[in-house]
Amino acid sequence: MSDVKTEFFAEVQATQMLWALQDKENEGWVVVDSANFEDAETMPLWSTESLALKSCTDDWADYKPTQISVADWLEFWFEDLSEDNVIIGLDWQDEQECAELELGDFTKQIADIEKLK
């Protein structure tokens, strides 16, 4: 597992929170074309609010970091996103390669983290 993934899941385990970017006006979420998977979209998620905040520039200037609890992810988000063939991007940083995980693999690791809390 890469350092980005290791650090991401360690931080999420400690806080039991994920961070996504939500539009201030219409409450939509940032989703972009996947860099690694054809015909899939990526939902960037961050392990900390400060990392998410760094991405609130340019095209995403109208978005704000919004926390999602691990419990809410498992209860609501997985099912909704699985219907849309969404991939998860970890600690997305502008102009850098982003680690992406398939939704099922990501959610399994999140479930494992919740068991450890």
C-alpha atoms as a PDB file:
ATOM      1  CA  MET A   1       0.000   0.000   0.000  1.00  0.00           C
ATOM      2  CA  SER A   2       1.381   3.404  -0.924  1.00  0.00           C
ATOM      3  CA  ASP A   3       2.319   6.030   1.653  1.00  0.00           C
ATOM      4  CA  VAL A   4      -0.640   8.206   0.616  1.00  0.00           C
ATOM      5  CA  LYS A   5      -3.063   5.368   1.290  1.00  0.00           C
ATOM      6  CA  THR A   6      -1.377   4.418   4.562  1.00  0.00           C
ATOM      7  CA  GLU A   7      -1.404   8.015   5.821  1.00  0.00           C
ATOM      8  CA  PHE A   8      -4.967   8.594   4.616  1.00  0.00           C
ATOM      9  CA  PHE A   9      -6.412   5.581   6.429  1.00  0.00           C
ATOM     10  CA  ALA A  10      -4.343   6.191   9.580  1.00  0.00           C
ATOM     11  CA  GLU A  11      -5.707   9.747   9.830  1.00  0.00           C
ATOM     12  CA  VAL A  12      -9.288   8.634   9.140  1.00  0.00           C
ATOM     13  CA  GLN A  13      -8.974   5.886  11.746  1.00  0.00           C
ATOM     14  CA  ALA A  14      -7.876   8.444  14.346  1.00  0.00           C
ATOM     15  CA  THR A  15     -10.661  10.949  13.617  1.00  0.00           C
ATOM     16  CA  GLN A  16     -13.400   8.676  12.181  1.00  0.00           C
ATOM     17  CA  MET A  17     -14.001  11.468   9.627  1.00  0.00           C
ATOM     18  CA  LEU A  18     -13.638  11.899   5.878  1.00  0.00           C
ATOM     19  CA  TRP A  19     -13.697  15.267   4.118  1.00  0.00           C
ATOM     20  CA  ALA A  20     -15.275  16.085   0.751  1.00  0.00           C
ATOM     21  CA  LEU A  21     -15.888  19.373  -1.057  1.00  0.00           C
ATOM     22  CA  GLN A  22     -19.466  20.601  -1.167  1.00  0.00           C
ATOM     23  CA  ASP A  23     -20.762  23.534  -3.220  1.00  0.00           C
ATOM     24  CA  LYS A  24     -21.721  26.461  -0.975  1.00  0.00           C
ATOM     25  CA  GLU A  25     -24.762  27.282  -3.124  1.00  0.00           C
ATOM     26  CA  ASN A  26     -26.391  24.091  -4.404  1.00  0.00           C
ATOM     27  CA  GLU A  27     -24.787  21.607  -1.981  1.00  0.00           C
ATOM     28  CA  GLY A  28     -23.465  19.433  -4.835  1.00  0.00           C
ATOM     29  CA  TRP A  29     -20.222  17.511  -4.333  1.00  0.00           C
ATOM     30  CA  VAL A  30     -16.955  17.653  -6.300  1.00  0.00           C
ATOM     31  CA  VAL A  31     -16.690  14.724  -8.704  1.00  0.00           C
ATOM     32  CA  VAL A  32     -14.161  14.634 -11.565  1.00  0.00           C
ATOM     33  CA  ASP A  33     -13.189  12.300 -14.401  1.00  0.00           C
ATOM     34  CA  SER A  34     -11.006   9.458 -13.169  1.00  0.00           C
ATOM     35  CA  ALA A  35      -7.348   9.633 -14.168  1.00  0.00           C
ATOM     36  CA  ASN A  36      -6.892   5.858 -13.895  1.00  0.00           C
ATOM     37  CA  PHE A  37     -10.223   4.233 -14.765  1.00  0.00           C
ATOM     38  CA  GLU A  38     -11.994   4.645 -18.099  1.00  0.00           C
ATOM     39  CA  ASP A  39     -15.645   5.697 -18.026  1.00  0.00           C
ATOM     40  CA  ALA A  40     -15.575   6.344 -14.286  1.00  0.00           C
ATOM     41  CA  GLU A  41     -15.790   9.434 -12.157  1.00  0.00           C
ATOM     42  CA  THR A  42     -13.707  10.084  -9.067  1.00  0.00           C
ATOM     43  CA  MET A  43     -14.960  11.626  -5.854  1.00  0.00           C
ATOM     44  CA  PRO A  44     -11.949  13.173  -4.141  1.00  0.00           C
ATOM     45  CA  LEU A  45     -11.889  12.627  -0.379  1.00  0.00           C
ATOM     46  CA  TRP A  46      -9.425  14.019   2.129  1.00  0.00           C
ATOM     47  CA  SER A  47      -8.287  12.759   5.500  1.00  0.00           C
ATOM     48  CA  THR A  48      -8.184  16.246   7.070  1.00  0.00           C
ATOM     49  CA  GLU A  49     -10.083  19.486   6.707  1.00  0.00           C
ATOM     50  CA  SER A  50      -6.850  21.410   6.078  1.00  0.00           C
ATOM     51  CA  LEU A  51      -5.907  19.202   3.107  1.00  0.00           C
ATOM     52  CA  ALA A  52      -9.411  19.578   1.663  1.00  0.00           C
ATOM     53  CA  LEU A  53      -9.276  23.346   2.146  1.00  0.00           C
ATOM     54  CA  LYS A  54      -6.099  23.576   0.043  1.00  0.00           C
ATOM     55  CA  SER A  55      -8.140  22.371  -2.937  1.00  0.00           C
ATOM     56  CA  CYS A  56     -10.776  25.119  -2.633  1.00  0.00           C
ATOM     57  CA  THR A  57      -9.211  27.234  -5.385  1.00  0.00           C
ATOM     58  CA  ASP A  58      -9.820  27.952  -9.062  1.00  0.00           C
ATOM     59  CA  ASP A  59     -12.686  25.736 -10.292  1.00  0.00           C
ATOM     60  CA  TRP A  60     -13.426  24.652  -6.731  1.00  0.00           C
ATOM     61  CA  ALA A  61     -13.328  28.106  -5.112  1.00  0.00           C
ATOM     62  CA  ASP A  62     -17.095  27.956  -4.475  1.00  0.00           C
ATOM     63  CA  TYR A  63     -16.780  24.733  -2.490  1.00  0.00           C
ATOM     64  CA  LYS A  64     -16.180  24.183   1.210  1.00  0.00           C
ATOM     65  CA  PRO A  65     -14.739  21.180   3.083  1.00  0.00           C
ATOM     66  CA  THR A  66     -17.563  19.142   4.584  1.00  0.00           C
ATOM     67  CA  GLN A  67     -17.039  16.267   6.975  1.00  0.00           C
ATOM     68  CA  ILE A  68     -18.552  12.832   6.503  1.00  0.00           C
ATOM     69  CA  SER A  69     -18.375  10.447   9.430  1.00  0.00           C
ATOM     70  CA  VAL A  70     -17.158   6.916   8.821  1.00  0.00           C
ATOM     71  CA  ALA A  71     -20.517   5.653  10.136  1.00  0.00           C
ATOM     72  CA  ASP A  72     -22.448   7.852   7.657  1.00  0.00           C
ATOM     73  CA  TRP A  73     -20.186   6.710   4.819  1.00  0.00           C
ATOM     74  CA  LEU A  74     -21.001   3.087   5.535  1.00  0.00           C
ATOM     75  CA  GLU A  75     -24.711   3.700   6.100  1.00  0.00           C
ATOM     76  CA  PHE A  76     -25.547   6.096   3.246  1.00  0.00           C
ATOM     77  CA  TRP A  77     -22.744   6.965   0.852  1.00  0.00           C
ATOM     78  CA  PHE A  78     -21.553   3.573  -0.364  1.00  0.00           C
ATOM     79  CA  GLU A  79     -24.921   2.532  -1.754  1.00  0.00           C
ATOM     80  CA  ASP A  80     -25.574   5.883  -3.462  1.00  0.00           C
ATOM     81  CA  LEU A  81     -22.131   6.055  -5.081  1.00  0.00           C
ATOM     82  CA  SER A  82     -22.052   2.415  -6.162  1.00  0.00           C
ATOM     83  CA  GLU A  83     -25.055   3.089  -8.413  1.00  0.00           C
ATOM     84  CA  ASP A  84     -23.005   5.775 -10.218  1.00  0.00           C
ATOM     85  CA  ASN A  85     -19.741   3.825 -10.812  1.00  0.00           C
ATOM     86  CA  VAL A  86     -17.744   6.298  -8.718  1.00  0.00           C
ATOM     87  CA  ILE A  87     -14.066   5.772  -7.812  1.00  0.00           C
ATOM     88  CA  ILE A  88     -12.555   7.378  -4.681  1.00  0.00           C
ATOM     89  CA  GLY A  89      -9.529   9.691  -4.881  1.00  0.00           C
ATOM     90  CA  LEU A  90      -7.412   9.915  -1.726  1.00  0.00           C
ATOM     91  CA  ASP A  91      -6.055  13.252  -0.435  1.00  0.00           C
ATOM     92  CA  TRP A  92      -6.278  14.840  -3.883  1.00  0.00           C
ATOM     93  CA  GLN A  93      -3.616  17.482  -4.521  1.00  0.00           C
ATOM     94  CA  ASP A  94      -3.658  19.772  -7.549  1.00  0.00           C
ATOM     95  CA  GLU A  95      -1.245  18.796 -10.330  1.00  0.00           C
ATOM     96  CA  GLN A  96      -0.138  15.611  -8.542  1.00  0.00           C
ATOM     97  CA  GLU A  97      -0.995  12.025  -9.279  1.00  0.00           C
ATOM     98  CA  CYS A  98      -3.875  10.959  -7.078  1.00  0.00           C
ATOM     99  CA  ALA A  99      -4.244   7.541  -5.520  1.00  0.00           C
ATOM    100  CA  GLU A 100      -7.596   6.114  -6.582  1.00  0.00           C
ATOM    101  CA  LEU A 101      -9.427   3.116  -5.176  1.00  0.00           C
ATOM    102  CA  GLU A 102     -12.493   1.335  -6.417  1.00  0.00           C
ATOM    103  CA  LEU A 103     -15.485   2.121  -4.225  1.00  0.00           C
ATOM    104  CA  GLY A 104     -15.808  -1.417  -2.843  1.00  0.00           C
ATOM    105  CA  ASP A 105     -12.124  -1.610  -1.872  1.00  0.00           C
ATOM    106  CA  PHE A 106     -12.240   1.841  -0.274  1.00  0.00           C
ATOM    107  CA  THR A 107     -15.408   1.064   1.680  1.00  0.00           C
ATOM    108  CA  LYS A 108     -14.005  -2.269   2.912  1.00  0.00           C
ATOM    109  CA  GLN A 109     -11.015  -0.417   4.371  1.00  0.00           C
ATOM    110  CA  ILE A 110     -13.342   2.171   5.931  1.00  0.00           C
ATOM    111  CA  ALA A 111     -15.396  -0.668   7.497  1.00  0.00           C
ATOM    112  CA  ASP A 112     -12.190  -2.183   8.901  1.00  0.00           C
ATOM    113  CA  ILE A 113     -11.256   1.219  10.379  1.00  0.00           C
ATOM    114  CA  GLU A 114     -14.669   1.593  12.019  1.00  0.00           C
ATOM    115  CA  LYS A 115     -14.237  -1.791  13.724  1.00  0.00           C
ATOM    116  CA  LEU A 116     -10.963  -0.563  15.233  1.00  0.00           C
ATOM    117  CA  LYS A 117     -12.297   2.607  16.810  1.00  0.00           C
END
